[in-house]
Protein backbone atom coordinates (compact mmCIF):
# COMPACT_ATOMS: atom_id res chain seq x y z
CA UNK A 1 -5.92 7.87 21.70
CA UNK A 2 -4.32 9.62 18.77
CA UNK A 3 -6.30 10.30 15.60
CA UNK A 4 -4.95 10.61 12.09
CA UNK A 5 -5.04 14.20 10.83
CA UNK A 6 -7.61 15.02 8.17
CA UNK A 7 -6.13 15.49 4.72
CA UNK A 8 -7.24 15.09 1.14
CA UNK A 9 -4.82 12.18 0.70
CA UNK A 10 -5.92 8.57 1.19
CA UNK A 11 -4.87 6.96 4.48
CA UNK A 12 -4.42 3.57 2.87
CA UNK A 13 -0.95 2.24 2.13
CA UNK A 14 -0.18 2.37 -1.59
CA UNK A 15 -1.14 -0.89 -3.29
CA UNK A 16 0.02 -0.22 -6.82
CA UNK A 17 1.80 -2.14 -9.51
CA UNK A 18 4.83 -0.13 -10.63
CA UNK A 19 5.57 0.04 -14.35
CA UNK A 20 7.86 2.16 -16.51
CA UNK A 21 9.77 3.52 -13.55
CA UNK A 22 7.70 5.68 -11.21
CA UNK A 23 4.26 5.11 -12.73
CA UNK A 24 1.76 2.92 -10.90
CA UNK A 25 -1.61 1.21 -11.37
CA UNK A 26 -3.90 0.43 -8.42
CA UNK A 27 -4.30 -3.29 -7.79
CA UNK A 28 -7.73 -4.75 -7.27
CA UNK A 29 -9.10 -2.41 -9.93
CA UNK A 30 -9.70 -2.33 -13.70
CA UNK A 31 -7.78 0.07 -15.95
CA UNK A 32 -8.38 0.91 -19.61
CA UNK A 33 -5.65 1.01 -22.27
CA UNK A 34 -6.38 2.76 -25.56
CA UNK A 35 -4.54 3.91 -28.66
CA UNK A 36 -2.73 2.24 -31.53
CA UNK A 37 -0.03 0.79 -29.22
CA UNK A 38 -2.36 -0.42 -26.44
CA UNK A 39 -1.12 -4.02 -26.80
CA UNK A 40 2.47 -2.80 -26.36
CA UNK A 41 1.45 -0.93 -23.21
CA UNK A 42 -0.23 -4.08 -21.86
CA UNK A 43 3.04 -5.99 -22.34
CA UNK A 44 5.04 -3.18 -20.68
CA UNK A 45 2.73 -3.46 -17.67
CA UNK A 46 2.88 -7.28 -17.70
CA UNK A 47 6.67 -7.00 -17.61
CA UNK A 48 6.36 -5.60 -14.06
CA UNK A 49 4.37 -8.58 -12.77
CA UNK A 50 5.35 -12.05 -11.66
CA UNK A 51 3.40 -15.20 -12.34
CA UNK A 52 0.83 -16.03 -15.00
CA UNK A 53 -0.96 -13.57 -17.25
CA UNK A 54 -4.37 -14.38 -18.75
CA UNK A 55 -5.11 -12.62 -22.04
CA UNK A 56 -8.72 -12.94 -23.22
CA UNK A 57 -9.21 -12.35 -26.95
CA UNK A 58 -12.19 -12.18 -29.30
CA UNK A 59 -12.29 -15.34 -31.38
CA UNK A 60 -13.58 -13.47 -34.44
CA UNK A 61 -10.52 -11.18 -34.75
CA UNK A 62 -7.63 -12.86 -36.61
CA UNK A 63 -4.83 -10.64 -35.17
CA UNK A 64 -3.08 -12.15 -32.16
CA UNK A 65 -0.06 -11.19 -30.06
CA UNK A 66 2.99 -12.93 -31.52
CA UNK A 67 5.32 -14.96 -29.27
CA UNK A 68 8.63 -13.44 -30.47
CA UNK A 69 7.11 -9.96 -30.06
CA UNK A 70 6.01 -10.78 -26.50
CA UNK A 71 9.51 -12.09 -25.75
CA UNK A 72 10.87 -8.55 -26.08
CA UNK A 73 8.86 -7.67 -22.94
CA UNK A 74 8.53 -10.89 -20.91
CA UNK A 75 8.61 -14.67 -21.09
CA UNK A 76 5.81 -15.70 -23.52
CA UNK A 77 5.35 -18.91 -21.51
CA UNK A 78 3.70 -16.84 -18.76
CA UNK A 79 0.80 -15.89 -21.02
CA UNK A 80 -2.33 -18.04 -21.33
CA UNK A 81 -4.53 -16.97 -24.23
CA UNK A 82 -8.28 -17.52 -23.90
CA UNK A 83 -10.54 -17.14 -26.94
CA UNK A 84 -14.11 -15.95 -26.44
CA UNK A 85 -16.99 -16.20 -28.91
CA UNK A 86 -18.74 -12.97 -27.81
CA UNK A 87 -17.82 -9.69 -26.13
CA UNK A 88 -19.99 -10.69 -23.15
CA UNK A 89 -17.90 -13.87 -22.81
CA UNK A 90 -14.72 -11.75 -22.62
CA UNK A 91 -16.23 -9.70 -19.78
CA UNK A 92 -17.46 -12.81 -17.95
CA UNK A 93 -14.02 -14.46 -18.21
CA UNK A 94 -12.28 -11.31 -16.91
CA UNK A 95 -14.68 -11.19 -13.98
CA UNK A 96 -14.16 -14.85 -13.05
CA UNK A 97 -10.36 -14.68 -13.30
CA UNK A 98 -10.28 -11.52 -11.15
CA UNK A 99 -12.58 -13.18 -8.60
CA UNK A 100 -10.27 -16.21 -8.35
CA UNK A 101 -7.43 -14.03 -7.07
CA UNK A 102 -4.76 -16.45 -8.33
CA UNK A 103 -3.71 -14.61 -11.51
CA UNK A 104 -1.92 -11.29 -10.87
CA UNK A 105 -2.79 -9.80 -14.27
CA UNK A 106 -5.73 -10.38 -16.59
CA UNK A 107 -6.05 -8.59 -19.94
CA UNK A 108 -9.24 -8.34 -21.99
CA UNK A 109 -9.06 -7.27 -25.63
CA UNK A 110 -12.50 -5.75 -26.29
CA UNK A 111 -14.02 -4.54 -29.58
CA UNK A 112 -15.45 -1.46 -27.82
CA UNK A 113 -15.85 0.04 -24.37
CA UNK A 114 -18.01 -1.95 -21.93
CA UNK A 115 -20.85 -0.39 -19.98
CA UNK A 116 -20.67 0.78 -16.39
CA UNK A 117 -22.28 -2.37 -14.94
CA UNK A 118 -19.68 -4.87 -16.29
CA UNK A 119 -16.82 -2.60 -15.17
CA UNK A 120 -18.32 -2.32 -11.70
CA UNK A 121 -18.76 -6.10 -11.56
CA UNK A 122 -15.07 -6.54 -12.46
CA UNK A 123 -14.02 -4.12 -9.68
CA UNK A 124 -16.12 -6.08 -7.17
CA UNK A 125 -14.71 -9.39 -8.44
CA UNK A 126 -11.13 -8.10 -8.06
CA UNK A 127 -11.89 -7.01 -4.49
CA UNK A 128 -13.49 -10.40 -3.73
CA UNK A 129 -10.34 -12.09 -5.06
CA UNK A 130 -8.21 -10.40 -2.42
CA UNK A 131 -7.51 -7.12 -4.18
CA UNK A 132 -4.11 -8.24 -5.50
CA UNK A 133 -5.07 -8.83 -9.15
CA UNK A 134 -5.01 -6.14 -11.80
CA UNK A 135 -7.46 -5.98 -14.70
CA UNK A 136 -6.67 -4.31 -18.01
CA UNK A 137 -9.23 -3.75 -20.73
CA UNK A 138 -7.95 -2.83 -24.17
CA UNK A 139 -10.37 -0.82 -26.31
CA UNK A 140 -9.78 0.97 -29.63
CA UNK A 141 -10.98 4.46 -28.68
CA UNK A 142 -11.62 4.38 -24.95
CA UNK A 143 -14.48 5.93 -22.98
CA UNK A 144 -15.28 2.95 -20.74
CA UNK A 145 -17.24 4.21 -17.74
CA UNK A 146 -16.14 3.43 -14.20
CA UNK A 147 -12.52 2.44 -14.89
CA UNK A 148 -9.89 3.37 -12.31
CA UNK A 149 -7.66 4.95 -14.95
CA UNK A 150 -7.34 5.35 -18.72
CA UNK A 151 -3.97 5.33 -20.54
CA UNK A 152 -3.13 6.05 -24.20
CA UNK A 153 0.01 4.85 -25.99
CA UNK A 154 0.96 5.76 -29.54
CA UNK A 155 4.15 5.20 -31.55
CA UNK A 156 6.62 8.11 -31.56
CA UNK A 157 9.60 6.52 -33.31
CA UNK A 158 12.43 8.56 -34.78
CA UNK A 159 15.32 7.42 -37.00
CA UNK A 160 17.55 5.31 -34.79
CA UNK A 161 15.26 5.43 -31.73
CA UNK A 162 12.25 3.36 -30.76
CA UNK A 163 9.79 5.40 -28.73
CA UNK A 164 6.20 6.01 -27.78
CA UNK A 165 4.05 8.82 -26.44
CA UNK A 166 2.25 7.79 -23.22
CA UNK A 167 -0.69 9.74 -21.86
CA UNK A 168 -2.60 9.33 -18.63
CA UNK A 169 -6.02 10.49 -19.81
CA UNK A 170 -7.96 9.78 -16.63
CA UNK A 171 -7.13 8.64 -13.12
CA UNK A 172 -9.06 8.83 -9.86
CA UNK A 173 -5.94 9.85 -7.91
CA UNK A 174 -3.71 11.72 -10.40
CA UNK A 175 -4.13 14.49 -13.00
CA UNK A 176 -3.78 13.90 -16.76
CA UNK A 177 -0.17 13.93 -17.97
CA UNK A 178 2.05 12.93 -20.90
CA UNK A 179 5.43 11.18 -21.10
CA UNK A 180 7.86 10.04 -23.73
CA UNK A 181 8.84 6.35 -23.46
CA UNK A 182 12.12 5.23 -25.02
CA UNK A 183 13.57 1.75 -25.41
CA UNK A 184 16.85 1.65 -23.45
CA UNK A 185 18.93 -1.53 -23.50
CA UNK A 186 16.64 -4.31 -22.33
CA UNK A 187 14.19 -1.91 -20.64
CA UNK A 188 12.42 1.41 -21.05
CA UNK A 189 13.05 4.97 -19.90
CA UNK A 190 10.32 7.53 -19.22
CA UNK A 191 10.82 11.28 -19.64
CA UNK A 192 8.64 14.38 -20.01
CA UNK A 193 7.67 14.90 -23.66
CA UNK A 194 9.79 17.14 -25.87
CA UNK A 195 8.20 20.38 -26.94
């Protein structure tokens, strides 16, 4: 009987959702998106999925993703918007959709970071749903406890070029890092930041 050698690397096969080239998010887990362009980052990630996307929004906030804006990233017909009356209802809906295992991506637009217990419940729900779904929570400043990773996106446009600054602030498997994201044709290119 042959045993696998001991290393610091996981022995599981990678189960990530690729986005923006070589970047990846672990499926069956919940990730946090922060920053002024967090909705744009959510659509960049959704672009790499197939099938329906559930986007849970607070009913009391008038701003909504706009169909023609979504169309720059993916087919808006894939997105089902769900309005919730309270922040707890957003968390409950995320948990139930992740548990169902039939929607590959669920996005929750939260007014602030959730506590550790709701995040842990969402991780368990995603695992119970088969571990194929991906949960994204969008918060203004970040600092949600227990998330698998935290990403920050901010505009970095220059005359004649549409771009963003992407930062991986926290990840259980990778160190913090920054990238520059540029719009190229009908897609996006990722490069190390300038200067």
